[in-house]
Amino acid sequence: FEEGKDDPKVSVIRVTPDETYYWDTKAGKLVSFVTFAAAALTGKKTDNSDGVEGNLHV
């Protein structure tokens, strides 16, 4: 920041979520990517049973 906190080229955005939701896979990023890519190419749905998901209270 050339002019410090008063630099007109810098903006600060504050985000306060009302609700949150998370999803994670147990298989890892590479395996998930390959699974989703295969599903996209074949038109078949993926099996999402190996994932972990839920609401997160903040």
PDB file of N, CA and C in Angstrom:
ATOM      1  N   PHE A   1       0.850  -1.178   0.000  1.00  0.00           N
ATOM      2  CA  PHE A   1       0.000   0.000   0.000  1.00  0.00           C
ATOM      3  C   PHE A   1       0.888   1.230   0.000  1.00  0.00           C
ATOM      4  N   GLU A   2       0.909   1.870  -1.118  1.00  0.00           N
ATOM      5  CA  GLU A   2       1.811   3.009  -1.268  1.00  0.00           C
ATOM      6  C   GLU A   2       1.445   4.170  -0.348  1.00  0.00           C
ATOM      7  N   GLU A   3       0.139   4.416  -0.188  1.00  0.00           N
ATOM      8  CA  GLU A   3      -0.288   5.570   0.606  1.00  0.00           C
ATOM      9  C   GLU A   3      -0.867   5.155   1.958  1.00  0.00           C
ATOM     10  N   GLY A   4      -0.610   3.938   2.373  1.00  0.00           N
ATOM     11  CA  GLY A   4      -1.121   3.489   3.657  1.00  0.00           C
ATOM     12  C   GLY A   4      -2.604   3.198   3.616  1.00  0.00           C
ATOM     13  N   LYS A   5      -3.271   3.306   4.741  1.00  0.00           N
ATOM     14  CA  LYS A   5      -4.691   2.963   4.815  1.00  0.00           C
ATOM     15  C   LYS A   5      -5.597   3.931   4.058  1.00  0.00           C
ATOM     16  N   ASP A   6      -5.084   5.097   3.682  1.00  0.00           N
ATOM     17  CA  ASP A   6      -5.882   6.071   2.942  1.00  0.00           C
ATOM     18  C   ASP A   6      -5.684   5.955   1.435  1.00  0.00           C
ATOM     19  N   ASP A   7      -5.004   4.924   0.955  1.00  0.00           N
ATOM     20  CA  ASP A   7      -4.759   4.725  -0.472  1.00  0.00           C
ATOM     21  C   ASP A   7      -6.091   4.504  -1.194  1.00  0.00           C
ATOM     22  N   PRO A   8      -6.447   5.333  -2.183  1.00  0.00           N
ATOM     23  CA  PRO A   8      -7.731   5.198  -2.880  1.00  0.00           C
ATOM     24  C   PRO A   8      -7.813   3.940  -3.749  1.00  0.00           C
ATOM     25  N   LYS A   9      -6.693   3.272  -3.990  1.00  0.00           N
ATOM     26  CA  LYS A   9      -6.694   2.061  -4.804  1.00  0.00           C
ATOM     27  C   LYS A   9      -6.941   0.801  -3.969  1.00  0.00           C
ATOM     28  N   VAL A  10      -7.124   0.955  -2.675  1.00  0.00           N
ATOM     29  CA  VAL A  10      -7.303  -0.182  -1.781  1.00  0.00           C
ATOM     30  C   VAL A  10      -8.714  -0.137  -1.193  1.00  0.00           C
ATOM     31  N   SER A  11      -9.392  -1.286  -1.206  1.00  0.00           N
ATOM     32  CA  SER A  11     -10.721  -1.406  -0.596  1.00  0.00           C
ATOM     33  C   SER A  11     -10.701  -2.555   0.397  1.00  0.00           C
ATOM     34  N   VAL A  12     -11.421  -2.392   1.462  1.00  0.00           N
ATOM     35  CA  VAL A  12     -11.548  -3.445   2.460  1.00  0.00           C
ATOM     36  C   VAL A  12     -13.019  -3.837   2.509  1.00  0.00           C
ATOM     37  N   ILE A  13     -13.260  -5.141   2.446  1.00  0.00           N
ATOM     38  CA  ILE A  13     -14.631  -5.648   2.484  1.00  0.00           C
ATOM     39  C   ILE A  13     -14.768  -6.566   3.693  1.00  0.00           C
ATOM     40  N   ARG A  14     -15.777  -6.339   4.474  1.00  0.00           N
ATOM     41  CA  ARG A  14     -16.050  -7.198   5.632  1.00  0.00           C
ATOM     42  C   ARG A  14     -17.259  -8.060   5.286  1.00  0.00           C
ATOM     43  N   VAL A  15     -17.129  -9.354   5.495  1.00  0.00           N
ATOM     44  CA  VAL A  15     -18.204 -10.300   5.222  1.00  0.00           C
ATOM     45  C   VAL A  15     -18.590 -10.980   6.527  1.00  0.00           C
ATOM     46  N   THR A  16     -19.875 -10.921   6.840  1.00  0.00           N
ATOM     47  CA  THR A  16     -20.396 -11.584   8.023  1.00  0.00           C
ATOM     48  C   THR A  16     -21.477 -12.566   7.562  1.00  0.00           C
ATOM     49  N   PRO A  17     -21.175 -13.869   7.570  1.00  0.00           N
ATOM     50  CA  PRO A  17     -22.159 -14.837   7.073  1.00  0.00           C
ATOM     51  C   PRO A  17     -23.341 -15.003   8.029  1.00  0.00           C
ATOM     52  N   ASP A  18     -24.530 -15.191   7.439  1.00  0.00           N
ATOM     53  CA  ASP A  18     -25.723 -15.492   8.232  1.00  0.00           C
ATOM     54  C   ASP A  18     -25.789 -16.977   8.545  1.00  0.00           C
ATOM     55  N   GLU A  19     -25.347 -17.792   7.585  1.00  0.00           N
ATOM     56  CA  GLU A  19     -25.328 -19.230   7.777  1.00  0.00           C
ATOM     57  C   GLU A  19     -24.193 -19.817   6.942  1.00  0.00           C
ATOM     58  N   THR A  20     -23.727 -20.976   7.324  1.00  0.00           N
ATOM     59  CA  THR A  20     -22.641 -21.614   6.603  1.00  0.00           C
ATOM     60  C   THR A  20     -22.963 -23.082   6.379  1.00  0.00           C
ATOM     61  N   TYR A  21     -22.385 -23.650   5.336  1.00  0.00           N
ATOM     62  CA  TYR A  21     -22.559 -25.051   5.011  1.00  0.00           C
ATOM     63  C   TYR A  21     -21.235 -25.548   4.465  1.00  0.00           C
ATOM     64  N   TYR A  22     -20.816 -26.721   4.863  1.00  0.00           N
ATOM     65  CA  TYR A  22     -19.549 -27.240   4.383  1.00  0.00           C
ATOM     66  C   TYR A  22     -19.734 -28.618   3.760  1.00  0.00           C
ATOM     67  N   TRP A  23     -18.809 -28.953   2.863  1.00  0.00           N
ATOM     68  CA  TRP A  23     -18.763 -30.274   2.266  1.00  0.00           C
ATOM     69  C   TRP A  23     -17.308 -30.625   2.061  1.00  0.00           C
ATOM     70  N   ASP A  24     -16.944 -31.810   2.440  1.00  0.00           N
ATOM     71  CA  ASP A  24     -15.571 -32.264   2.264  1.00  0.00           C
ATOM     72  C   ASP A  24     -15.610 -33.717   1.834  1.00  0.00           C
ATOM     73  N   THR A  25     -14.592 -34.123   1.145  1.00  0.00           N
ATOM     74  CA  THR A  25     -14.510 -35.501   0.686  1.00  0.00           C
ATOM     75  C   THR A  25     -13.450 -36.252   1.470  1.00  0.00           C
ATOM     76  N   LYS A  26     -13.697 -37.508   1.704  1.00  0.00           N
ATOM     77  CA  LYS A  26     -12.722 -38.332   2.402  1.00  0.00           C
ATOM     78  C   LYS A  26     -11.645 -38.845   1.452  1.00  0.00           C
ATOM     79  N   ALA A  27     -11.934 -38.804   0.150  1.00  0.00           N
ATOM     80  CA  ALA A  27     -11.046 -39.421  -0.838  1.00  0.00           C
ATOM     81  C   ALA A  27      -9.876 -38.535  -1.244  1.00  0.00           C
ATOM     82  N   GLY A  28      -9.933 -37.249  -1.013  1.00  0.00           N
ATOM     83  CA  GLY A  28      -8.865 -36.354  -1.439  1.00  0.00           C
ATOM     84  C   GLY A  28      -9.231 -35.619  -2.723  1.00  0.00           C
ATOM     85  N   LYS A  29      -8.519 -34.553  -2.993  1.00  0.00           N
ATOM     86  CA  LYS A  29      -8.843 -33.678  -4.113  1.00  0.00           C
ATOM     87  C   LYS A  29      -8.674 -34.361  -5.470  1.00  0.00           C
ATOM     88  N   LEU A  30      -7.577 -35.082  -5.653  1.00  0.00           N
ATOM     89  CA  LEU A  30      -7.309 -35.702  -6.949  1.00  0.00           C
ATOM     90  C   LEU A  30      -8.353 -36.761  -7.285  1.00  0.00           C
ATOM     91  N   VAL A  31      -8.659 -37.619  -6.334  1.00  0.00           N
ATOM     92  CA  VAL A  31      -9.655 -38.670  -6.567  1.00  0.00           C
ATOM     93  C   VAL A  31     -11.020 -38.046  -6.828  1.00  0.00           C
ATOM     94  N   SER A  32     -11.379 -37.012  -6.079  1.00  0.00           N
ATOM     95  CA  SER A  32     -12.654 -36.328  -6.283  1.00  0.00           C
ATOM     96  C   SER A  32     -12.720 -35.697  -7.659  1.00  0.00           C
ATOM     97  N   PHE A  33     -11.627 -35.067  -8.092  1.00  0.00           N
ATOM     98  CA  PHE A  33     -11.590 -34.444  -9.414  1.00  0.00           C
ATOM     99  C   PHE A  33     -11.788 -35.490 -10.505  1.00  0.00           C
ATOM    100  N   VAL A  34     -11.091 -36.610 -10.404  1.00  0.00           N
ATOM    101  CA  VAL A  34     -11.218 -37.668 -11.410  1.00  0.00           C
ATOM    102  C   VAL A  34     -12.642 -38.221 -11.418  1.00  0.00           C
ATOM    103  N   THR A  35     -13.226 -38.405 -10.243  1.00  0.00           N
ATOM    104  CA  THR A  35     -14.593 -38.919 -10.154  1.00  0.00           C
ATOM    105  C   THR A  35     -15.584 -37.966 -10.808  1.00  0.00           C
ATOM    106  N   PHE A  36     -15.463 -36.674 -10.510  1.00  0.00           N
ATOM    107  CA  PHE A  36     -16.375 -35.687 -11.095  1.00  0.00           C
ATOM    108  C   PHE A  36     -16.147 -35.539 -12.596  1.00  0.00           C
ATOM    109  N   ALA A  37     -14.899 -35.608 -13.035  1.00  0.00           N
ATOM    110  CA  ALA A  37     -14.598 -35.519 -14.467  1.00  0.00           C
ATOM    111  C   ALA A  37     -15.199 -36.714 -15.198  1.00  0.00           C
ATOM    112  N   ALA A  38     -15.064 -37.910 -14.633  1.00  0.00           N
ATOM    113  CA  ALA A  38     -15.638 -39.107 -15.247  1.00  0.00           C
ATOM    114  C   ALA A  38     -17.160 -38.998 -15.322  1.00  0.00           C
ATOM    115  N   ALA A  39     -17.773 -38.480 -14.271  1.00  0.00           N
ATOM    116  CA  ALA A  39     -19.222 -38.308 -14.264  1.00  0.00           C
ATOM    117  C   ALA A  39     -19.655 -37.300 -15.333  1.00  0.00           C
ATOM    118  N   ALA A  40     -18.886 -36.246 -15.498  1.00  0.00           N
ATOM    119  CA  ALA A  40     -19.220 -35.240 -16.506  1.00  0.00           C
ATOM    120  C   ALA A  40     -19.105 -35.816 -17.917  1.00  0.00           C
ATOM    121  N   LEU A  41     -18.110 -36.653 -18.138  1.00  0.00           N
ATOM    122  CA  LEU A  41     -17.903 -37.243 -19.464  1.00  0.00           C
ATOM    123  C   LEU A  41     -18.932 -38.326 -19.787  1.00  0.00           C
ATOM    124  N   THR A  42     -19.318 -39.100 -18.782  1.00  0.00           N
ATOM    125  CA  THR A  42     -20.246 -40.206 -19.019  1.00  0.00           C
ATOM    126  C   THR A  42     -21.703 -39.814 -18.838  1.00  0.00           C
ATOM    127  N   GLY A  43     -21.954 -38.699 -18.145  1.00  0.00           N
ATOM    128  CA  GLY A  43     -23.329 -38.282 -17.887  1.00  0.00           C
ATOM    129  C   GLY A  43     -23.951 -38.977 -16.692  1.00  0.00           C
ATOM    130  N   LYS A  44     -23.178 -39.808 -15.998  1.00  0.00           N
ATOM    131  CA  LYS A  44     -23.688 -40.501 -14.824  1.00  0.00           C
ATOM    132  C   LYS A  44     -23.471 -39.651 -13.578  1.00  0.00           C
ATOM    133  N   LYS A  45     -24.301 -39.869 -12.574  1.00  0.00           N
ATOM    134  CA  LYS A  45     -24.157 -39.142 -11.312  1.00  0.00           C
ATOM    135  C   LYS A  45     -23.040 -39.760 -10.479  1.00  0.00           C
ATOM    136  N   THR A  46     -22.423 -38.937  -9.654  1.00  0.00           N
ATOM    137  CA  THR A  46     -21.380 -39.436  -8.762  1.00  0.00           C
ATOM    138  C   THR A  46     -22.003 -39.987  -7.495  1.00  0.00           C
ATOM    139  N   ASP A  47     -21.277 -40.846  -6.835  1.00  0.00           N
ATOM    140  CA  ASP A  47     -21.702 -41.384  -5.543  1.00  0.00           C
ATOM    141  C   ASP A  47     -21.128 -40.480  -4.467  1.00  0.00           C
ATOM    142  N   ASN A  48     -21.966 -39.657  -3.862  1.00  0.00           N
ATOM    143  CA  ASN A  48     -21.509 -38.688  -2.852  1.00  0.00           C
ATOM    144  C   ASN A  48     -21.510 -39.258  -1.447  1.00  0.00           C
ATOM    145  N   SER A  49     -21.635 -40.582  -1.319  1.00  0.00           N
ATOM    146  CA  SER A  49     -21.744 -41.160   0.018  1.00  0.00           C
ATOM    147  C   SER A  49     -20.434 -41.117   0.803  1.00  0.00           C
ATOM    148  N   ASP A  50     -19.305 -40.840   0.125  1.00  0.00           N
ATOM    149  CA  ASP A  50     -18.031 -40.811   0.842  1.00  0.00           C
ATOM    150  C   ASP A  50     -17.678 -39.425   1.362  1.00  0.00           C
ATOM    151  N   GLY A  51     -18.581 -38.471   1.234  1.00  0.00           N
ATOM    152  CA  GLY A  51     -18.311 -37.119   1.674  1.00  0.00           C
ATOM    153  C   GLY A  51     -18.818 -36.838   3.072  1.00  0.00           C
ATOM    154  N   VAL A  52     -18.351 -35.746   3.630  1.00  0.00           N
ATOM    155  CA  VAL A  52     -18.781 -35.281   4.942  1.00  0.00           C
ATOM    156  C   VAL A  52     -19.367 -33.896   4.721  1.00  0.00           C
ATOM    157  N   GLU A  53     -20.557 -33.652   5.236  1.00  0.00           N
ATOM    158  CA  GLU A  53     -21.191 -32.366   5.030  1.00  0.00           C
ATOM    159  C   GLU A  53     -22.078 -32.010   6.204  1.00  0.00           C
ATOM    160  N   GLY A  54     -22.383 -30.725   6.304  1.00  0.00           N
ATOM    161  CA  GLY A  54     -23.265 -30.288   7.378  1.00  0.00           C
ATOM    162  C   GLY A  54     -23.273 -28.786   7.539  1.00  0.00           C
ATOM    163  N   ASN A  55     -24.059 -28.331   8.477  1.00  0.00           N
ATOM    164  CA  ASN A  55     -24.147 -26.910   8.802  1.00  0.00           C
ATOM    165  C   ASN A  55     -23.097 -26.559   9.835  1.00  0.00           C
ATOM    166  N   LEU A  56     -22.586 -25.374   9.745  1.00  0.00           N
ATOM    167  CA  LEU A  56     -21.599 -24.895  10.691  1.00  0.00           C
ATOM    168  C   LEU A  56     -22.159 -23.637  11.338  1.00  0.00           C
ATOM    169  N   HIS A  57     -22.258 -23.652  12.639  1.00  0.00           N
ATOM    170  CA  HIS A  57     -22.823 -22.490  13.366  1.00  0.00           C
ATOM    171  C   HIS A  57     -21.682 -21.537  13.739  1.00  0.00           C
ATOM    172  N   VAL A  58     -21.835 -20.286  13.319  1.00  0.00           N
ATOM    173  CA  VAL A  58     -20.810 -19.267  13.616  1.00  0.00           C
ATOM    174  C   VAL A  58     -21.370 -18.231  14.538  1.00  0.00           C
TER     175      VAL A  58
END
